Amino acid sequence: MFWRKARRTEGPPRDRGFSVAEVVVAFGIFAIVGTTVSTGLIDVMQVTTDDRNRVRAAALAAREIDIARSAFNSPAIGPKQVEAGEVVNHNPLPGGAVGQPLLIDGVPFTVKRVAEWTQQGAANGPCDVDAGGGNAPLAYLRVTAEVSWPNMGSTQSVKSSTLLTPPLGTFAQGTGHLRVTVVDQTGERVEGRQVTLNGPGGTDTQTTADGGCSFFAGLPVGTYTASVSAPNGIDRTTWGPSSTQTVTVLANAIAQANLAYATAADVEAALAPSLPEFPPAKNIPLTAANTAFTPNGRRVLPGDGPIRSFRAWPFPDGIDLWAGSCNDADPIVTGGERQDPVVLTPGTSTTANVPLVPVTVHVRLALWLLAVPDASVYAVHAKDQSTGCATTVSDPVSGGSGAGEVLELPVKTDSSGMVRISLPYGRWQIKVKNFLPHLGGWPTIDLRADQPGPQVVTANVLL
C-alpha cells in the first residue's frame, strides 16, 4: 500500500483577510476623510447660522429706522421728540424690556440707534463744526441703526441709515441750539457719555454718539448748564466727580460746550521718612505737578495722615509728586531730582512713596538750658516771594496770618525735651507754642534734597 502525504491547498487571495497593518492604515484614512467632512459640515452650519442671524439683524435695523421715521413724521410726536444721541435697545420686542437685548429664537440682539441733527453742508453730524459754518441751519436728522449679536467672530454688524428732513417751521425763530463735546485724557472724543442739560428749556439728557457729541436742538434762549458724570469719573480741571460748563444759547445760533471727562486713576501715596522712628508731621500737603496744570503746572492736595488716597486725572505722562506746597519743597529747587512720574492709568490703582527729611528738635529753657518736656512744637514756613507758598495761613504760635505753611508735630517733647519728626524739603522755622523765642528769634533749618540726612535743631525758649 502506498501512502501519499496530504498537501495543504490555499484558497484564493481574497479569502485570507486583512493584515493588522492594512487595518491601521484604513482606519487612519477613514479618520482623515471623516474629519475633513465633519469640518466642512460645521463650517456650512456656521455660515448658515451667521446668514440667519444677519437676516434677523437686518430686519431689526430696518424696524428701528421705521420706528424713528414714524415718530419723526407723526403730527402727535414730531421731529423734536425723536431722542437725539445714542440709545441702546430702546424699542423692545413684545414681551421684552427697554434696555435689554432683543431675543429671537434664543439669540440676544443688541440694537444701537444714533440720531444726530446735521447742519447744511456738514458731512459727519453735529461734531462736524467746520463744515457748513457754526450757525448754519439744521438740514436733517441722520439716523443710524446698528445691530450686533454674541459670537459674531469675523462677521460684521448690520447697519442701516436714513436722513429725515424736518418741515419748515420745526424750530421757532426765537430758539437756538447747543453742541456739547466730551473728550477724554488723550483729547479724543468719547462715545457713550451721558450729558445732562439744565436751563430755561428744562432738563434733557442725551448720550454722546461715536463723534463724541450731543446736540440739543430747538432750545429757548438763555443760560444753560451742561454736565457729564459717571461712576469713577473725574473732571480734568477740578478733579471732581462731574464736569460742568455754563453756556449761553442765543436765537438762531449754535452754542458750544466742551467737557473734559475721563475714568479716574486711584493713587495711594505714602509719606516715607528715611528713618522709621521719625514720623511725618501732621497735615503735610502734597504737590502734584504736570505741565497741563494752570497757571503754574502744579496742584496742591491737602490731607492728613501718613497714607493719602486720592483720585487723579489720568494724564498720559503721569504726575510728579512731592511733599509740601511751597516752591522750595520741589526737590529740584534744593539741588535734588524728582522721583519718576507716578503712572496714571484710567480705572486702575497705583502706589507712590513721598520722601521726607528726618529732624530732631530739642527744646531748652534759654537761661538755665533745662529741657522742656510736653511742649507743642510747630514747623512754620514763611510766605514770601522766594518761597512761593500756595496759600496764606495763620501762625498758631505768633497769632499772625503771614505763614505759608504750618505743620504740627504729631507728638510733644519727651522728658528730655526732644521730639523727632519728618518734614518736607524747604526752609522752616521751629516754633514752640506758649513760649517766646530767645534772643535771635526762632531757629531756622534748611532741608535740602541734596542733603537728605538727619538734621538737628535746638529751640531756646523763654517763659
Protein backbone atom coordinates (compact mmCIF):
# COMPACT_ATOMS: atom_id res chain seq x y z
CA MET A 1 0.00 0.00 0.00
CA PHE A 2 1.26 3.33 -0.92
CA TRP A 3 0.57 6.39 1.17
CA ARG A 4 0.85 9.90 -0.19
CA LYS A 5 1.49 12.90 2.05
CA ALA A 6 -1.52 15.21 2.07
CA ARG A 7 -0.76 18.62 0.58
CA ARG A 8 -2.48 21.70 2.05
CA THR A 9 -4.13 23.76 -0.53
CA GLU A 10 -4.52 27.53 -0.17
CA GLY A 11 -7.68 29.40 -1.03
CA PRO A 12 -7.87 32.39 -3.30
CA PRO A 13 -6.00 35.51 -2.03
CA ARG A 14 -9.27 37.23 -1.23
CA ASP A 15 -10.07 34.69 1.44
CA ARG A 16 -7.01 35.49 3.52
CA GLY A 17 -8.47 38.72 5.22
CA PHE A 18 -6.55 41.91 6.14
CA SER A 19 -3.31 42.19 7.96
CA VAL A 20 -3.02 44.37 11.08
CA ALA A 21 -1.02 47.00 9.17
CA GLU A 22 -3.69 47.23 6.50
CA VAL A 23 -6.42 47.71 9.11
CA VAL A 24 -4.47 50.52 10.85
CA VAL A 25 -3.87 52.33 7.55
CA ALA A 26 -7.52 52.00 6.59
CA PHE A 27 -8.72 53.47 9.88
CA GLY A 28 -6.24 56.34 9.52
CA ILE A 29 -7.53 57.19 6.06
CA PHE A 30 -11.11 56.97 7.29
CA ALA A 31 -10.33 59.32 10.21
CA ILE A 32 -8.77 61.90 7.90
CA VAL A 33 -11.67 61.79 5.49
CA GLY A 34 -14.19 61.89 8.35
CA THR A 35 -12.51 64.89 9.97
CA THR A 36 -12.46 66.78 6.70
CA VAL A 37 -16.09 66.06 6.05
CA SER A 38 -17.21 66.96 9.59
CA THR A 39 -15.21 70.20 9.49
CA GLY A 40 -16.85 71.10 6.24
CA LEU A 41 -20.29 70.35 7.68
CA ILE A 42 -19.57 72.50 10.76
CA ASP A 43 -18.41 75.36 8.54
CA VAL A 44 -21.53 75.07 6.43
CA MET A 45 -23.70 75.07 9.55
CA GLN A 46 -21.83 78.11 10.94
CA VAL A 47 -22.27 80.00 7.67
CA THR A 48 -25.95 79.09 7.70
CA THR A 49 -26.30 80.32 11.30
CA ASP A 50 -24.46 83.57 10.53
CA ASP A 51 -26.61 84.14 7.47
CA ARG A 52 -29.75 83.54 9.51
CA ASN A 53 -28.58 85.96 12.21
CA ARG A 54 -27.68 88.61 9.62
CA VAL A 55 -31.16 88.37 8.12
CA ARG A 56 -32.69 88.82 11.58
CA ALA A 57 -30.33 91.69 12.34
CA ALA A 58 -31.22 93.42 9.08
CA ALA A 59 -34.90 93.16 9.95
CA LEU A 60 -34.27 94.64 13.42
CA ALA A 61 -32.24 97.51 11.94
CA ALA A 62 -34.99 98.28 9.44
CA ARG A 63 -37.56 98.12 12.25
CA GLU A 64 -35.56 100.64 14.33
CA ILE A 65 -35.31 103.03 11.39
CA ASP A 66 -39.06 102.70 10.70
CA ILE A 67 -39.89 103.48 14.34
CA ALA A 68 -37.75 106.64 14.25
CA ARG A 69 -39.21 107.69 10.89
CA SER A 70 -42.77 107.18 12.10
CA ALA A 71 -42.15 109.29 15.21
CA PHE A 72 -40.37 111.95 13.16
CA ASN A 73 -43.26 112.30 10.70
CA SER A 74 -46.04 111.93 13.27
CA PRO A 75 -48.04 115.12 13.92
CA ALA A 76 -48.52 113.97 17.52
CA ILE A 77 -44.79 113.42 18.16
CA GLY A 78 -42.70 115.29 15.60
CA PRO A 79 -39.00 115.73 14.81
CA LYS A 80 -38.00 117.37 18.08
CA GLN A 81 -39.27 114.43 20.12
CA VAL A 82 -37.08 111.81 18.45
CA GLU A 83 -34.45 111.17 21.08
CA ALA A 84 -31.13 112.54 19.85
CA GLY A 85 -27.79 110.97 20.62
CA GLU A 86 -27.23 107.28 21.25
CA VAL A 87 -29.79 104.85 22.64
CA VAL A 88 -29.43 101.07 23.06
CA ASN A 89 -32.32 98.58 22.88
CA HIS A 90 -34.74 101.48 23.10
CA ASN A 91 -37.65 99.72 21.36
CA PRO A 92 -38.11 96.17 22.74
CA LEU A 93 -39.98 93.37 21.04
CA PRO A 94 -43.28 92.22 22.58
CA GLY A 95 -42.57 90.75 26.00
CA GLY A 96 -39.18 92.47 26.23
CA ALA A 97 -37.97 95.41 28.31
CA VAL A 98 -36.32 98.69 27.40
CA GLY A 99 -32.55 98.42 27.67
CA GLN A 100 -32.48 94.62 27.42
CA PRO A 101 -31.32 92.68 24.31
CA LEU A 102 -33.98 91.75 21.78
CA LEU A 103 -34.39 87.96 21.90
CA ILE A 104 -35.19 85.98 18.70
CA ASP A 105 -35.09 82.16 18.84
CA GLY A 106 -32.80 82.33 21.84
CA VAL A 107 -30.31 84.74 20.21
CA PRO A 108 -29.95 88.12 22.03
CA PHE A 109 -29.55 91.02 19.60
CA THR A 110 -28.27 94.47 20.63
CA VAL A 111 -29.78 97.38 18.70
CA LYS A 112 -27.94 100.70 18.93
CA ARG A 113 -29.52 103.77 17.37
CA VAL A 114 -27.78 107.12 16.87
CA ALA A 115 -29.78 110.20 15.86
CA GLU A 116 -27.80 113.36 15.03
CA TRP A 117 -29.01 116.72 13.84
CA THR A 118 -26.80 117.87 10.97
CA GLN A 119 -26.25 121.34 9.58
CA GLN A 120 -26.37 122.34 5.94
CA GLY A 121 -23.02 121.48 4.35
CA ALA A 122 -21.92 119.21 7.17
CA ALA A 123 -20.91 115.67 6.35
CA ASN A 124 -20.35 113.99 9.70
CA GLY A 125 -23.11 115.08 12.03
CA PRO A 126 -23.11 117.71 14.79
CA CYS A 127 -19.42 117.26 15.57
CA ASP A 128 -18.53 118.47 12.09
CA VAL A 129 -18.04 122.01 13.41
CA ASP A 130 -16.15 123.48 10.48
CA ALA A 131 -18.36 122.35 7.63
CA GLY A 132 -21.41 124.45 6.97
CA GLY A 133 -20.45 127.20 9.41
CA GLY A 134 -21.16 127.36 13.12
CA ASN A 135 -24.61 128.89 12.69
CA ALA A 136 -25.82 127.14 9.55
CA PRO A 137 -29.44 125.94 9.90
CA LEU A 138 -30.23 122.34 10.70
CA ALA A 139 -30.86 120.46 7.47
CA TYR A 140 -31.83 116.95 8.54
CA LEU A 141 -31.73 114.29 11.24
CA ARG A 142 -29.27 111.49 10.45
CA VAL A 143 -30.48 108.19 11.98
CA THR A 144 -28.26 105.10 12.06
CA ALA A 145 -29.20 101.70 13.49
CA GLU A 146 -26.52 99.09 14.21
CA VAL A 147 -27.36 95.53 15.28
CA SER A 148 -24.92 93.01 16.78
CA TRP A 149 -25.17 89.61 18.50
CA PRO A 150 -22.92 87.24 20.50
CA ASN A 151 -20.22 85.05 18.94
CA MET A 152 -20.10 87.04 15.72
CA GLY A 153 -16.46 86.20 15.06
CA SER A 154 -15.37 87.92 11.86
CA THR A 155 -18.94 88.69 10.87
CA GLN A 156 -19.66 92.42 10.65
CA SER A 157 -22.56 94.02 12.49
CA VAL A 158 -25.54 95.11 10.42
CA LYS A 159 -26.07 98.84 9.86
CA SER A 160 -28.89 100.82 8.34
CA SER A 161 -29.11 104.62 7.93
CA THR A 162 -31.53 107.26 6.74
CA LEU A 163 -31.84 111.05 6.56
CA LEU A 164 -35.02 112.68 7.85
CA THR A 165 -35.74 116.25 6.75
CA PRO A 166 -37.83 118.38 9.13
CA PRO A 167 -40.62 120.52 7.70
CA LEU A 168 -40.25 124.30 7.65
CA GLY A 169 -41.10 125.90 10.98
CA THR A 170 -39.99 122.92 13.06
CA PHE A 171 -37.67 125.20 15.03
CA ALA A 172 -39.04 128.58 16.03
CA GLN A 173 -37.06 131.67 15.05
CA GLY A 174 -36.52 132.55 18.70
CA THR A 175 -34.77 129.31 19.56
CA GLY A 176 -31.15 128.20 19.42
CA HIS A 177 -29.11 125.02 19.65
CA LEU A 178 -26.28 123.67 21.79
CA ARG A 179 -23.48 121.32 20.78
CA VAL A 180 -21.73 119.53 23.71
CA THR A 181 -18.42 117.77 23.04
CA VAL A 182 -16.85 115.33 25.53
CA VAL A 183 -13.15 114.39 25.32
CA ASP A 184 -11.01 112.05 27.42
CA GLN A 185 -7.44 112.27 28.75
CA THR A 186 -5.99 111.81 25.26
CA GLY A 187 -8.10 114.59 23.76
CA GLU A 188 -10.17 112.09 21.79
CA ARG A 189 -13.92 112.50 21.65
CA VAL A 190 -15.75 109.90 23.72
CA GLU A 191 -18.77 107.85 22.79
CA GLY A 192 -21.31 106.72 25.37
CA ARG A 193 -21.05 109.56 27.92
CA GLN A 194 -24.36 110.76 29.34
CA VAL A 195 -24.75 114.53 29.04
CA THR A 196 -27.36 116.41 31.08
CA LEU A 197 -28.57 119.89 30.16
CA ASN A 198 -30.39 122.23 32.57
CA GLY A 199 -31.80 125.62 31.67
CA PRO A 200 -34.86 127.58 30.54
CA GLY A 201 -35.92 124.66 28.37
CA GLY A 202 -35.99 122.31 31.36
CA THR A 203 -33.80 119.24 31.81
CA ASP A 204 -32.74 116.98 28.98
CA THR A 205 -30.32 114.07 28.79
CA GLN A 206 -28.50 112.58 25.82
CA THR A 207 -25.72 110.04 25.30
CA THR A 208 -22.80 111.06 23.10
CA ALA A 209 -22.58 109.23 19.80
CA ASP A 210 -19.43 107.94 18.09
CA GLY A 211 -18.46 111.53 17.25
CA GLY A 212 -18.27 112.37 20.96
CA CYS A 213 -21.09 114.94 20.74
CA SER A 214 -24.58 115.55 21.99
CA PHE A 215 -26.68 118.08 20.09
CA PHE A 216 -29.61 119.78 21.79
CA ALA A 217 -31.86 121.40 19.20
CA GLY A 218 -34.61 123.99 19.45
CA LEU A 219 -33.78 125.44 22.87
CA PRO A 220 -35.33 128.60 24.29
CA VAL A 221 -32.66 131.29 24.55
CA GLY A 222 -30.93 131.69 27.90
CA THR A 223 -28.19 130.31 30.13
CA TYR A 224 -27.73 126.55 30.30
CA THR A 225 -25.53 124.22 32.34
CA ALA A 226 -24.15 121.18 30.55
CA SER A 227 -22.70 118.40 32.72
CA VAL A 228 -21.41 114.86 32.44
CA SER A 229 -20.89 112.36 35.26
CA ALA A 230 -20.30 108.64 35.61
CA PRO A 231 -19.12 106.15 38.25
CA ASN A 232 -15.36 106.58 38.82
CA GLY A 233 -15.33 109.60 36.52
CA ILE A 234 -13.23 112.73 37.01
CA ASP A 235 -13.13 116.26 35.61
CA ARG A 236 -9.82 117.44 34.19
CA THR A 237 -9.87 120.89 35.82
CA THR A 238 -11.47 120.35 39.23
CA TRP A 239 -10.71 116.64 39.70
CA GLY A 240 -14.32 116.39 40.86
CA PRO A 241 -16.76 113.56 40.02
CA SER A 242 -18.59 115.60 37.35
CA SER A 243 -17.63 118.03 34.61
CA THR A 244 -19.77 121.15 34.17
CA GLN A 245 -19.84 124.17 31.87
CA THR A 246 -22.25 127.09 31.72
CA VAL A 247 -23.05 128.46 28.27
CA THR A 248 -25.46 130.98 26.77
CA VAL A 249 -27.77 129.91 23.93
CA LEU A 250 -28.68 132.69 21.52
CA ALA A 251 -31.53 132.83 19.00
CA ASN A 252 -30.83 131.25 15.60
CA ALA A 253 -27.31 130.23 16.65
CA ILE A 254 -25.44 127.14 17.78
CA ALA A 255 -23.62 127.43 21.12
CA GLN A 256 -20.69 125.18 22.03
CA ALA A 257 -19.75 123.48 25.32
CA ASN A 258 -16.56 121.44 25.75
CA LEU A 259 -16.21 118.97 28.62
CA ALA A 260 -13.02 117.05 29.51
CA TYR A 261 -14.01 113.93 31.43
CA ALA A 262 -12.36 110.54 31.92
CA THR A 263 -12.24 107.49 34.16
CA ALA A 264 -10.13 108.39 37.19
CA ALA A 265 -6.90 106.78 38.31
CA ASP A 266 -6.66 105.92 42.02
CA VAL A 267 -3.44 106.86 43.82
CA GLU A 268 -2.24 105.77 47.27
CA ALA A 269 0.70 107.92 48.33
CA ALA A 270 2.71 107.04 51.44
CA LEU A 271 4.72 109.70 53.26
CA ALA A 272 8.01 107.85 53.60
CA PRO A 273 10.50 109.03 56.24
CA SER A 274 14.02 107.76 55.59
CA LEU A 275 14.13 106.64 59.25
CA PRO A 276 11.04 104.93 60.71
CA GLU A 277 11.46 106.46 64.19
CA PHE A 278 10.84 109.93 62.69
CA PRO A 279 7.06 110.09 62.00
CA PRO A 280 5.65 112.61 59.48
CA ALA A 281 4.32 115.94 60.72
CA LYS A 282 0.58 116.47 60.68
CA ASN A 283 -1.31 117.94 57.70
CA ILE A 284 1.55 117.77 55.20
CA PRO A 285 0.09 118.74 51.82
CA LEU A 286 1.19 117.03 48.62
CA THR A 287 2.03 118.75 45.36
CA ALA A 288 1.20 117.11 42.03
CA ALA A 289 3.00 118.54 39.01
CA ASN A 290 2.16 118.33 35.32
CA THR A 291 2.56 120.94 32.60
CA ALA A 292 -1.20 120.75 31.94
CA PHE A 293 -1.99 122.35 35.32
CA THR A 294 -2.69 126.07 35.10
CA PRO A 295 -1.30 128.54 35.83
CA ASN A 296 2.00 127.15 37.17
CA GLY A 297 1.91 123.43 36.37
CA ARG A 298 1.10 122.38 39.94
CA ARG A 299 -1.83 121.26 42.03
CA VAL A 300 -1.79 121.17 45.85
CA LEU A 301 -3.51 118.22 47.50
CA PRO A 302 -4.31 118.86 51.18
CA GLY A 303 -4.71 115.98 53.60
CA ASP A 304 -3.61 114.33 56.82
CA GLY A 305 -2.10 111.05 57.90
CA PRO A 306 0.86 109.06 56.57
CA ILE A 307 -1.20 107.46 53.77
CA ARG A 308 -3.03 109.63 51.24
CA SER A 309 -5.59 108.21 48.87
CA PHE A 310 -6.96 110.36 46.09
CA ARG A 311 -8.33 110.18 42.57
CA ALA A 312 -6.35 111.80 39.79
CA TRP A 313 -6.91 112.85 36.20
CA PRO A 314 -5.13 110.12 34.18
CA PHE A 315 -2.53 112.23 32.41
CA PRO A 316 -0.81 110.05 29.80
CA ASP A 317 2.58 111.29 31.05
CA GLY A 318 1.66 110.87 34.75
CA ILE A 319 2.34 113.35 37.56
CA ASP A 320 5.36 114.29 39.64
CA LEU A 321 4.59 114.09 43.36
CA TRP A 322 6.34 115.55 46.42
CA ALA A 323 5.54 116.68 49.96
CA GLY A 324 4.92 120.34 50.77
CA SER A 325 3.23 123.18 48.89
CA CYS A 326 5.92 125.88 48.76
CA ASN A 327 8.36 126.32 45.88
CA ASP A 328 11.37 125.05 47.79
CA ALA A 329 9.55 121.79 48.56
CA ASP A 330 10.27 120.84 44.93
CA PRO A 331 13.42 118.65 45.08
CA ILE A 332 14.81 120.40 42.00
CA VAL A 333 14.87 123.75 43.82
CA THR A 334 17.15 122.40 46.56
CA GLY A 335 19.60 120.62 44.30
CA GLY A 336 17.97 117.22 44.01
CA GLU A 337 15.90 115.35 41.45
CA ARG A 338 12.26 114.50 41.30
CA GLN A 339 11.25 110.87 41.50
CA ASP A 340 9.96 109.07 38.43
CA PRO A 341 6.45 110.26 37.50
CA VAL A 342 3.53 108.40 39.02
CA VAL A 343 1.92 106.39 36.22
CA LEU A 344 -1.82 107.05 35.97
CA THR A 345 -3.99 104.52 34.15
CA PRO A 346 -7.77 105.03 33.96
CA GLY A 347 -9.67 102.68 36.23
CA THR A 348 -6.60 101.26 38.00
CA SER A 349 -4.80 101.89 41.30
CA THR A 350 -1.16 102.83 41.76
CA THR A 351 1.09 103.49 44.74
CA ALA A 352 3.83 106.04 45.38
CA ASN A 353 6.31 106.85 48.15
CA VAL A 354 6.92 110.51 49.01
CA PRO A 355 10.29 111.18 50.72
CA LEU A 356 10.70 113.34 53.85
CA VAL A 357 13.73 114.56 55.83
CA PRO A 358 14.21 113.38 59.47
CA VAL A 359 14.68 116.18 62.01
CA THR A 360 15.47 116.04 65.75
CA VAL A 361 14.21 119.04 67.74
CA HIS A 362 15.50 119.94 71.22
CA VAL A 363 13.60 122.50 73.32
CA ARG A 364 15.55 124.20 76.12
CA LEU A 365 14.90 126.99 78.58
CA ALA A 366 17.41 129.57 77.40
CA LEU A 367 18.66 130.88 80.76
CA TRP A 368 19.08 127.53 82.51
CA LEU A 369 19.41 125.19 79.48
CA LEU A 370 16.85 122.93 81.07
CA ALA A 371 14.85 120.51 78.94
CA VAL A 372 11.24 121.49 78.29
CA PRO A 373 9.04 118.37 78.28
CA ASP A 374 5.48 118.09 76.96
CA ALA A 375 5.91 121.10 74.62
CA SER A 376 3.88 121.53 71.41
CA VAL A 377 6.24 122.16 68.51
CA TYR A 378 5.39 123.54 65.06
CA ALA A 379 7.30 123.84 61.80
CA VAL A 380 6.35 127.14 60.14
CA HIS A 381 7.20 128.06 56.57
CA ALA A 382 7.38 131.80 55.92
CA LYS A 383 5.34 133.15 52.99
CA ASP A 384 7.25 135.48 50.68
CA GLN A 385 8.09 135.77 47.00
CA SER A 386 11.07 133.47 47.28
CA THR A 387 9.17 130.60 48.87
CA GLY A 388 6.09 130.85 46.65
CA CYS A 389 3.76 129.03 49.03
CA ALA A 390 0.37 128.26 47.59
CA THR A 391 -1.71 129.65 50.46
CA THR A 392 -1.57 132.04 53.43
CA VAL A 393 -2.45 130.56 56.80
CA SER A 394 -2.45 131.76 60.39
CA ASP A 395 0.52 131.15 62.66
CA PRO A 396 -0.71 129.31 65.79
CA VAL A 397 2.36 130.39 67.78
CA SER A 398 2.64 134.11 66.99
CA GLY A 399 -1.03 134.58 66.13
CA GLY A 400 -0.20 136.31 62.84
CA SER A 401 -1.53 135.44 59.40
CA GLY A 402 1.60 135.59 57.26
CA ALA A 403 2.60 131.93 57.30
CA GLY A 404 2.78 129.99 54.07
CA GLU A 405 2.56 126.56 55.62
CA VAL A 406 2.22 125.34 59.22
CA LEU A 407 2.90 121.75 60.26
CA GLU A 408 2.18 120.47 63.74
CA LEU A 409 4.36 117.75 65.17
CA PRO A 410 2.29 114.66 65.96
CA VAL A 411 3.80 114.22 69.45
CA LYS A 412 5.07 116.56 72.17
CA THR A 413 8.58 116.71 73.52
CA ASP A 414 9.61 113.88 75.81
CA SER A 415 11.14 114.16 79.29
CA SER A 416 14.46 115.16 77.73
CA GLY A 417 12.84 117.98 75.75
CA MET A 418 13.30 116.14 72.47
CA VAL A 419 10.93 115.26 69.65
CA ARG A 420 11.61 113.53 66.35
CA ILE A 421 9.80 114.46 63.17
CA SER A 422 9.99 114.20 59.37
CA LEU A 423 9.39 117.29 57.23
CA PRO A 424 9.26 118.23 53.52
CA TYR A 425 12.16 119.96 51.83
CA GLY A 426 12.38 123.72 52.30
CA ARG A 427 13.21 126.41 54.87
CA TRP A 428 11.39 126.00 58.18
CA GLN A 429 11.19 127.91 61.42
CA ILE A 430 10.85 125.71 64.51
CA LYS A 431 8.45 127.32 66.98
CA VAL A 432 7.14 126.26 70.41
CA LYS A 433 3.61 127.13 71.46
CA ASN A 434 3.08 129.13 74.71
CA PHE A 435 6.75 130.17 74.78
CA LEU A 436 8.76 133.12 73.49
CA PRO A 437 11.94 132.72 71.47
CA HIS A 438 15.28 133.61 73.00
CA LEU A 439 17.38 136.42 71.55
CA GLY A 440 17.76 135.95 67.80
CA GLY A 441 14.27 134.55 67.29
CA TRP A 442 13.10 131.11 66.40
CA PRO A 443 15.70 128.80 64.84
CA THR A 444 15.57 128.20 61.08
CA ILE A 445 16.53 124.99 59.35
CA ASP A 446 17.08 124.39 55.61
CA LEU A 447 16.11 120.92 54.46
CA ARG A 448 17.62 120.21 51.06
CA ALA A 449 17.12 117.37 48.62
CA ASP A 450 20.88 117.19 48.01
CA GLN A 451 21.44 116.74 51.79
CA PRO A 452 18.69 114.32 52.83
CA GLY A 453 20.38 113.05 56.00
CA PRO A 454 19.03 113.59 59.54
CA GLN A 455 19.07 117.18 60.81
CA VAL A 456 19.22 118.52 64.36
CA VAL A 457 17.89 121.87 65.62
CA THR A 458 17.57 123.40 69.09
CA ALA A 459 14.91 125.90 70.08
CA ASN A 460 15.89 128.02 73.09
CA VAL A 461 12.79 129.50 74.68
CA LEU A 462 11.74 131.95 77.38
CA LEU A 463 8.81 131.54 79.72
